[in-house]
Every structure is written in C-alpha cells, then in structure tokens.
All heavy atoms as atom14 arrays in JSON, in Angstrom:
{
  "sequence": "FNSDNGETLFDEEGKATDVLNERLGFLHACRDADGK",
  "atom14_mask": [
    [1, 1, 1, 1, 1, 1, 1, 1, 1, 1, 1, 0, 0, 0],
    [1, 1, 1, 1, 1, 1, 1, 1, 0, 0, 0, 0, 0, 0],
    [1, 1, 1, 1, 1, 1, 0, 0, 0, 0, 0, 0, 0, 0],
    [1, 1, 1, 1, 1, 1, 1, 1, 0, 0, 0, 0, 0, 0],
    [1, 1, 1, 1, 1, 1, 1, 1, 0, 0, 0, 0, 0, 0],
    [1, 1, 1, 1, 0, 0, 0, 0, 0, 0, 0, 0, 0, 0],
    [1, 1, 1, 1, 1, 1, 1, 1, 1, 0, 0, 0, 0, 0],
    [1, 1, 1, 1, 1, 1, 1, 0, 0, 0, 0, 0, 0, 0],
    [1, 1, 1, 1, 1, 1, 1, 1, 0, 0, 0, 0, 0, 0],
    [1, 1, 1, 1, 1, 1, 1, 1, 1, 1, 1, 0, 0, 0],
    [1, 1, 1, 1, 1, 1, 1, 1, 0, 0, 0, 0, 0, 0],
    [1, 1, 1, 1, 1, 1, 1, 1, 1, 0, 0, 0, 0, 0],
    [1, 1, 1, 1, 1, 1, 1, 1, 1, 0, 0, 0, 0, 0],
    [1, 1, 1, 1, 0, 0, 0, 0, 0, 0, 0, 0, 0, 0],
    [1, 1, 1, 1, 1, 1, 1, 1, 1, 0, 0, 0, 0, 0],
    [1, 1, 1, 1, 1, 0, 0, 0, 0, 0, 0, 0, 0, 0],
    [1, 1, 1, 1, 1, 1, 1, 0, 0, 0, 0, 0, 0, 0],
    [1, 1, 1, 1, 1, 1, 1, 1, 0, 0, 0, 0, 0, 0],
    [1, 1, 1, 1, 1, 1, 1, 0, 0, 0, 0, 0, 0, 0],
    [1, 1, 1, 1, 1, 1, 1, 1, 0, 0, 0, 0, 0, 0],
    [1, 1, 1, 1, 1, 1, 1, 1, 0, 0, 0, 0, 0, 0],
    [1, 1, 1, 1, 1, 1, 1, 1, 1, 0, 0, 0, 0, 0],
    [1, 1, 1, 1, 1, 1, 1, 1, 1, 1, 1, 0, 0, 0],
    [1, 1, 1, 1, 1, 1, 1, 1, 0, 0, 0, 0, 0, 0],
    [1, 1, 1, 1, 0, 0, 0, 0, 0, 0, 0, 0, 0, 0],
    [1, 1, 1, 1, 1, 1, 1, 1, 1, 1, 1, 0, 0, 0],
    [1, 1, 1, 1, 1, 1, 1, 1, 0, 0, 0, 0, 0, 0],
    [1, 1, 1, 1, 1, 1, 1, 1, 1, 1, 0, 0, 0, 0],
    [1, 1, 1, 1, 1, 0, 0, 0, 0, 0, 0, 0, 0, 0],
    [1, 1, 1, 1, 1, 1, 0, 0, 0, 0, 0, 0, 0, 0],
    [1, 1, 1, 1, 1, 1, 1, 1, 1, 1, 1, 0, 0, 0],
    [1, 1, 1, 1, 1, 1, 1, 1, 0, 0, 0, 0, 0, 0],
    [1, 1, 1, 1, 1, 0, 0, 0, 0, 0, 0, 0, 0, 0],
    [1, 1, 1, 1, 1, 1, 1, 1, 0, 0, 0, 0, 0, 0],
    [1, 1, 1, 1, 0, 0, 0, 0, 0, 0, 0, 0, 0, 0],
    [1, 1, 1, 1, 1, 1, 1, 1, 1, 0, 0, 0, 0, 0]
  ],
  "atom14_positions": [
    [[167.42, -99.94, 87.55], [167.47, -100.82, 86.4], [166.68, -100.27, 85.21], [165.63, -99.64, 85.38], [166.95, -102.21, 86.77], [167.79, -102.91, 87.79], [167.29, -103.21, 89.05], [169.11, -103.26, 87.5], [168.08, -103.84, 89.99], [169.9, -103.9, 88.44], [169.39, -104.18, 89.69], [0.0, 0.0, 0.0], [0.0, 0.0, 0.0], [0.0, 0.0, 0.0]],
    [[167.25, -100.55, 84.01], [166.63, -100.14, 82.75], [166.35, -98.64, 82.69], [165.34, -98.19, 82.15], [165.32, -100.92, 82.51], [165.61, -102.37, 82.15], [166.62, -102.68, 81.54], [164.71, -103.26, 82.55], [0.0, 0.0, 0.0], [0.0, 0.0, 0.0], [0.0, 0.0, 0.0], [0.0, 0.0, 0.0], [0.0, 0.0, 0.0], [0.0, 0.0, 0.0]],
    [[167.3, -97.87, 83.25], [167.19, -96.42, 83.15], [167.87, -95.96, 81.86], [168.59, -96.71, 81.21], [167.86, -95.75, 84.35], [169.25, -96.0, 84.34], [0.0, 0.0, 0.0], [0.0, 0.0, 0.0], [0.0, 0.0, 0.0], [0.0, 0.0, 0.0], [0.0, 0.0, 0.0], [0.0, 0.0, 0.0], [0.0, 0.0, 0.0], [0.0, 0.0, 0.0]],
    [[167.66, -94.71, 81.5], [168.21, -94.18, 80.25], [169.74, -94.12, 80.28], [170.39, -94.21, 79.24], [167.66, -92.77, 79.98], [166.16, -92.78, 79.71], [165.66, -93.84, 79.27], [165.51, -91.75, 79.94], [0.0, 0.0, 0.0], [0.0, 0.0, 0.0], [0.0, 0.0, 0.0], [0.0, 0.0, 0.0], [0.0, 0.0, 0.0], [0.0, 0.0, 0.0]],
    [[170.31, -93.98, 81.46], [171.76, -93.82, 81.57], [172.45, -95.08, 82.11], [173.57, -95.01, 82.6], [172.09, -92.64, 82.5], [171.52, -91.34, 81.99], [171.62, -91.06, 80.8], [170.94, -90.55, 82.87], [0.0, 0.0, 0.0], [0.0, 0.0, 0.0], [0.0, 0.0, 0.0], [0.0, 0.0, 0.0], [0.0, 0.0, 0.0], [0.0, 0.0, 0.0]],
    [[171.78, -96.23, 82.02], [172.33, -97.44, 82.6], [173.37, -98.12, 81.72], [173.5, -97.85, 80.52], [0.0, 0.0, 0.0], [0.0, 0.0, 0.0], [0.0, 0.0, 0.0], [0.0, 0.0, 0.0], [0.0, 0.0, 0.0], [0.0, 0.0, 0.0], [0.0, 0.0, 0.0], [0.0, 0.0, 0.0], [0.0, 0.0, 0.0], [0.0, 0.0, 0.0]],
    [[174.14, -99.04, 82.35], [175.13, -99.85, 81.65], [174.76, -101.31, 81.83], [174.19, -101.71, 82.84], [176.52, -99.59, 82.22], [177.0, -98.15, 82.07], [178.39, -97.97, 82.63], [179.36, -98.45, 82.0], [178.51, -97.35, 83.7], [0.0, 0.0, 0.0], [0.0, 0.0, 0.0], [0.0, 0.0, 0.0], [0.0, 0.0, 0.0], [0.0, 0.0, 0.0]],
    [[175.09, -102.12, 80.84], [174.73, -103.53, 80.89], [175.55, -104.26, 81.95], [176.68, -103.88, 82.27], [174.96, -104.21, 79.53], [176.33, -104.03, 79.13], [174.03, -103.63, 78.48], [0.0, 0.0, 0.0], [0.0, 0.0, 0.0], [0.0, 0.0, 0.0], [0.0, 0.0, 0.0], [0.0, 0.0, 0.0], [0.0, 0.0, 0.0], [0.0, 0.0, 0.0]],
    [[174.96, -105.33, 82.5], [175.63, -106.14, 83.51], [176.35, -107.34, 82.91], [177.22, -107.92, 83.55], [174.6, -106.61, 84.54], [173.89, -105.51, 85.34], [172.82, -106.1, 86.24], [174.9, -104.71, 86.17], [0.0, 0.0, 0.0], [0.0, 0.0, 0.0], [0.0, 0.0, 0.0], [0.0, 0.0, 0.0], [0.0, 0.0, 0.0], [0.0, 0.0, 0.0]],
    [[175.96, -107.71, 81.69], [176.59, -108.84, 81.0], [177.01, -108.42, 79.6], [176.32, -107.63, 78.95], [175.61, -110.02, 80.91], [175.18, -110.55, 82.26], [173.96, -110.17, 82.8], [175.98, -111.42, 82.98], [173.55, -110.64, 84.04], [175.58, -111.91, 84.21], [174.37, -111.52, 84.75], [0.0, 0.0, 0.0], [0.0, 0.0, 0.0], [0.0, 0.0, 0.0]],
    [[178.14, -108.98, 79.13], [178.57, -108.68, 77.76], [177.91, -109.64, 76.78], [177.05, -110.46, 77.17], [180.1, -108.73, 77.66], [180.69, -110.11, 77.97], [179.94, -111.12, 77.89], [181.89, -110.19, 78.28], [0.0, 0.0, 0.0], [0.0, 0.0, 0.0], [0.0, 0.0, 0.0], [0.0, 0.0, 0.0], [0.0, 0.0, 0.0], [0.0, 0.0, 0.0]],
    [[178.31, -109.58, 75.53], [177.68, -110.39, 74.49], [177.91, -111.88, 74.68], [177.15, -112.7, 74.17], [178.2, -109.95, 73.11], [177.78, -108.52, 72.73], [178.32, -108.11, 71.38], [179.1, -108.89, 70.79], [177.96, -107.01, 70.9], [0.0, 0.0, 0.0], [0.0, 0.0, 0.0], [0.0, 0.0, 0.0], [0.0, 0.0, 0.0], [0.0, 0.0, 0.0]],
    [[178.94, -112.24, 75.43], [179.23, -113.65, 75.7], [178.59, -114.13, 76.99], [178.78, -115.28, 77.4], [180.74, -113.87, 75.75], [181.45, -113.56, 74.43], [182.94, -113.78, 74.52], [183.42, -114.04, 75.64], [183.62, -113.7, 73.48], [0.0, 0.0, 0.0], [0.0, 0.0, 0.0], [0.0, 0.0, 0.0], [0.0, 0.0, 0.0], [0.0, 0.0, 0.0]],
    [[177.82, -113.25, 77.63], [177.16, -113.63, 78.88], [178.05, -113.53, 80.1], [177.67, -114.01, 81.18], [0.0, 0.0, 0.0], [0.0, 0.0, 0.0], [0.0, 0.0, 0.0], [0.0, 0.0, 0.0], [0.0, 0.0, 0.0], [0.0, 0.0, 0.0], [0.0, 0.0, 0.0], [0.0, 0.0, 0.0], [0.0, 0.0, 0.0], [0.0, 0.0, 0.0]],
    [[179.21, -112.91, 79.95], [180.12, -112.75, 81.08], [179.84, -111.42, 81.79], [179.37, -110.46, 81.18], [181.57, -112.8, 80.61], [181.97, -114.13, 79.99], [183.42, -114.12, 79.53], [183.81, -115.46, 78.91], [185.23, -115.44, 78.43], [0.0, 0.0, 0.0], [0.0, 0.0, 0.0], [0.0, 0.0, 0.0], [0.0, 0.0, 0.0], [0.0, 0.0, 0.0]],
    [[180.14, -111.4, 83.08], [179.9, -110.19, 83.87], [180.77, -109.04, 83.36], [181.95, -109.22, 83.07], [180.2, -110.46, 85.34], [0.0, 0.0, 0.0], [0.0, 0.0, 0.0], [0.0, 0.0, 0.0], [0.0, 0.0, 0.0], [0.0, 0.0, 0.0], [0.0, 0.0, 0.0], [0.0, 0.0, 0.0], [0.0, 0.0, 0.0], [0.0, 0.0, 0.0]],
    [[180.17, -107.86, 83.23], [180.91, -106.67, 82.85], [181.63, -106.1, 84.07], [181.43, -106.55, 85.2], [179.97, -105.6, 82.28], [179.01, -105.24, 83.3], [179.22, -106.13, 81.05], [0.0, 0.0, 0.0], [0.0, 0.0, 0.0], [0.0, 0.0, 0.0], [0.0, 0.0, 0.0], [0.0, 0.0, 0.0], [0.0, 0.0, 0.0], [0.0, 0.0, 0.0]],
    [[182.46, -105.09, 83.83], [183.17, -104.46, 84.95], [182.19, -103.88, 85.96], [182.46, -103.88, 87.17], [184.09, -103.35, 84.43], [185.28, -103.9, 83.65], [185.58, -105.1, 83.79], [185.91, -103.11, 82.91], [0.0, 0.0, 0.0], [0.0, 0.0, 0.0], [0.0, 0.0, 0.0], [0.0, 0.0, 0.0], [0.0, 0.0, 0.0], [0.0, 0.0, 0.0]],
    [[181.07, -103.38, 85.47], [180.05, -102.8, 86.35], [179.54, -103.85, 87.33], [179.45, -103.61, 88.54], [178.87, -102.22, 85.53], [177.74, -101.77, 86.45], [179.34, -101.07, 84.67], [0.0, 0.0, 0.0], [0.0, 0.0, 0.0], [0.0, 0.0, 0.0], [0.0, 0.0, 0.0], [0.0, 0.0, 0.0], [0.0, 0.0, 0.0], [0.0, 0.0, 0.0]],
    [[179.2, -105.04, 86.81], [178.7, -106.11, 87.67], [179.8, -106.65, 88.57], [179.56, -106.92, 89.76], [178.1, -107.22, 86.82], [177.55, -108.43, 87.6], [176.52, -108.0, 88.64], [176.93, -109.45, 86.64], [0.0, 0.0, 0.0], [0.0, 0.0, 0.0], [0.0, 0.0, 0.0], [0.0, 0.0, 0.0], [0.0, 0.0, 0.0], [0.0, 0.0, 0.0]],
    [[181.01, -106.8, 88.03], [182.1, -107.34, 88.84], [182.4, -106.43, 90.04], [182.74, -106.91, 91.13], [183.36, -107.51, 87.99], [183.33, -108.79, 87.17], [182.79, -109.8, 87.62], [183.9, -108.76, 85.98], [0.0, 0.0, 0.0], [0.0, 0.0, 0.0], [0.0, 0.0, 0.0], [0.0, 0.0, 0.0], [0.0, 0.0, 0.0], [0.0, 0.0, 0.0]],
    [[182.27, -105.13, 89.83], [182.48, -104.2, 90.94], [181.44, -104.41, 92.03], [181.76, -104.43, 93.23], [182.41, -102.76, 90.43], [182.64, -101.72, 91.52], [182.58, -100.3, 90.99], [182.51, -100.11, 89.76], [182.59, -99.37, 91.82], [0.0, 0.0, 0.0], [0.0, 0.0, 0.0], [0.0, 0.0, 0.0], [0.0, 0.0, 0.0], [0.0, 0.0, 0.0]],
    [[180.18, -104.61, 91.63], [179.12, -104.86, 92.61], [179.32, -106.2, 93.31], [179.12, -106.32, 94.52], [177.76, -104.83, 91.92], [177.41, -103.55, 91.2], [177.36, -102.36, 92.11], [176.3, -102.45, 93.1], [175.91, -101.43, 93.85], [176.48, -100.24, 93.73], [174.94, -101.57, 94.73], [0.0, 0.0, 0.0], [0.0, 0.0, 0.0], [0.0, 0.0, 0.0]],
    [[179.75, -107.21, 92.54], [179.98, -108.53, 93.13], [181.1, -108.47, 94.17], [181.0, -109.09, 95.24], [180.33, -109.54, 92.04], [179.22, -109.9, 91.05], [179.76, -110.82, 89.97], [178.05, -110.55, 91.77], [0.0, 0.0, 0.0], [0.0, 0.0, 0.0], [0.0, 0.0, 0.0], [0.0, 0.0, 0.0], [0.0, 0.0, 0.0], [0.0, 0.0, 0.0]],
    [[182.15, -107.72, 93.87], [183.24, -107.57, 94.82], [182.77, -106.93, 96.11], [183.16, -107.34, 97.21], [0.0, 0.0, 0.0], [0.0, 0.0, 0.0], [0.0, 0.0, 0.0], [0.0, 0.0, 0.0], [0.0, 0.0, 0.0], [0.0, 0.0, 0.0], [0.0, 0.0, 0.0], [0.0, 0.0, 0.0], [0.0, 0.0, 0.0], [0.0, 0.0, 0.0]],
    [[181.9, -105.92, 95.99], [181.36, -105.24, 97.16], [180.46, -106.17, 97.96], [180.52, -106.2, 99.2], [180.59, -103.99, 96.7], [180.14, -103.1, 97.83], [180.9, -102.95, 98.97], [178.94, -102.4, 97.73], [180.49, -102.11, 100.0], [178.52, -101.57, 98.75], [179.29, -101.42, 99.88], [0.0, 0.0, 0.0], [0.0, 0.0, 0.0], [0.0, 0.0, 0.0]],
    [[179.64, -106.95, 97.28], [178.75, -107.9, 97.95], [179.55, -108.91, 98.78], [179.23, -109.17, 99.95], [177.9, -108.65, 96.92], [176.71, -107.91, 96.31], [176.17, -108.68, 95.11], [175.6, -107.73, 97.34], [0.0, 0.0, 0.0], [0.0, 0.0, 0.0], [0.0, 0.0, 0.0], [0.0, 0.0, 0.0], [0.0, 0.0, 0.0], [0.0, 0.0, 0.0]],
    [[180.59, -109.47, 98.19], [181.38, -110.48, 98.9], [182.19, -109.85, 100.04], [182.36, -110.47, 101.1], [182.29, -111.22, 97.92], [181.55, -112.19, 97.03], [181.11, -113.41, 97.47], [181.16, -112.09, 95.73], [180.48, -114.04, 96.49], [180.49, -113.26, 95.42], [0.0, 0.0, 0.0], [0.0, 0.0, 0.0], [0.0, 0.0, 0.0], [0.0, 0.0, 0.0]],
    [[182.68, -108.63, 99.83], [183.41, -107.95, 100.9], [182.49, -107.68, 102.09], [182.9, -107.85, 103.25], [183.99, -106.63, 100.37], [0.0, 0.0, 0.0], [0.0, 0.0, 0.0], [0.0, 0.0, 0.0], [0.0, 0.0, 0.0], [0.0, 0.0, 0.0], [0.0, 0.0, 0.0], [0.0, 0.0, 0.0], [0.0, 0.0, 0.0], [0.0, 0.0, 0.0]],
    [[181.25, -107.31, 101.8], [180.3, -107.05, 102.88], [179.92, -108.33, 103.6], [179.74, -108.33, 104.83], [179.05, -106.36, 102.32], [179.31, -104.63, 101.86], [0.0, 0.0, 0.0], [0.0, 0.0, 0.0], [0.0, 0.0, 0.0], [0.0, 0.0, 0.0], [0.0, 0.0, 0.0], [0.0, 0.0, 0.0], [0.0, 0.0, 0.0], [0.0, 0.0, 0.0]],
    [[179.8, -109.43, 102.88], [179.49, -110.7, 103.54], [180.64, -111.12, 104.44], [180.42, -111.6, 105.56], [179.2, -111.8, 102.51], [178.81, -113.11, 103.18], [178.19, -114.09, 102.23], [179.13, -114.57, 101.24], [178.82, -115.49, 100.31], [177.59, -115.99, 100.27], [179.72, -115.88, 99.42], [0.0, 0.0, 0.0], [0.0, 0.0, 0.0], [0.0, 0.0, 0.0]],
    [[181.88, -110.92, 104.0], [183.04, -111.23, 104.84], [183.04, -110.35, 106.09], [183.34, -110.82, 107.2], [184.33, -111.03, 104.06], [184.52, -112.07, 102.95], [183.83, -113.1, 102.98], [185.35, -111.82, 102.05], [0.0, 0.0, 0.0], [0.0, 0.0, 0.0], [0.0, 0.0, 0.0], [0.0, 0.0, 0.0], [0.0, 0.0, 0.0], [0.0, 0.0, 0.0]],
    [[182.7, -109.07, 105.89], [182.65, -108.14, 107.03], [181.56, -108.54, 108.01], [181.73, -108.42, 109.24], [182.42, -106.72, 106.53], [0.0, 0.0, 0.0], [0.0, 0.0, 0.0], [0.0, 0.0, 0.0], [0.0, 0.0, 0.0], [0.0, 0.0, 0.0], [0.0, 0.0, 0.0], [0.0, 0.0, 0.0], [0.0, 0.0, 0.0], [0.0, 0.0, 0.0]],
    [[180.44, -109.04, 107.5], [179.36, -109.49, 108.38], [179.8, -110.68, 109.22], [179.45, -110.79, 110.4], [178.13, -109.87, 107.55], [177.41, -108.66, 106.98], [177.65, -107.54, 107.45], [176.61, -108.84, 106.04], [0.0, 0.0, 0.0], [0.0, 0.0, 0.0], [0.0, 0.0, 0.0], [0.0, 0.0, 0.0], [0.0, 0.0, 0.0], [0.0, 0.0, 0.0]],
    [[180.57, -111.59, 108.62], [181.08, -112.75, 109.37], [182.03, -112.32, 110.47], [181.96, -112.85, 111.6], [0.0, 0.0, 0.0], [0.0, 0.0, 0.0], [0.0, 0.0, 0.0], [0.0, 0.0, 0.0], [0.0, 0.0, 0.0], [0.0, 0.0, 0.0], [0.0, 0.0, 0.0], [0.0, 0.0, 0.0], [0.0, 0.0, 0.0], [0.0, 0.0, 0.0]],
    [[182.89, -111.37, 110.17], [183.81, -110.84, 111.17], [183.05, -110.15, 112.31], [183.38, -110.3, 113.48], [184.77, -109.85, 110.5], [185.76, -109.19, 111.43], [186.64, -108.21, 110.66], [187.59, -107.47, 111.58], [188.43, -106.48, 110.83], [0.0, 0.0, 0.0], [0.0, 0.0, 0.0], [0.0, 0.0, 0.0], [0.0, 0.0, 0.0], [0.0, 0.0, 0.0]]
  ]
}
C-alpha cells in the first residue's frame, strides 16, 4: 500500500476500481472454495 507504483482502489465517485474488483472476486472465490 501507498507505494510509488500503486493504483487507487476507489475512483472519484467512491466506487471500486478494476484493481479492487479483481481482488474482491478472488476473495469471494477463495471463500467459496473454502466452503467446498
């Protein structure tokens, strides 16, 4: 976080950016896998 080469997680409207959405998708996929 807050590195020189980082990308923002939220846009100007406070919505998740593609970067954050990709991480969210991975988080939920892993939680589903844990349940299985």
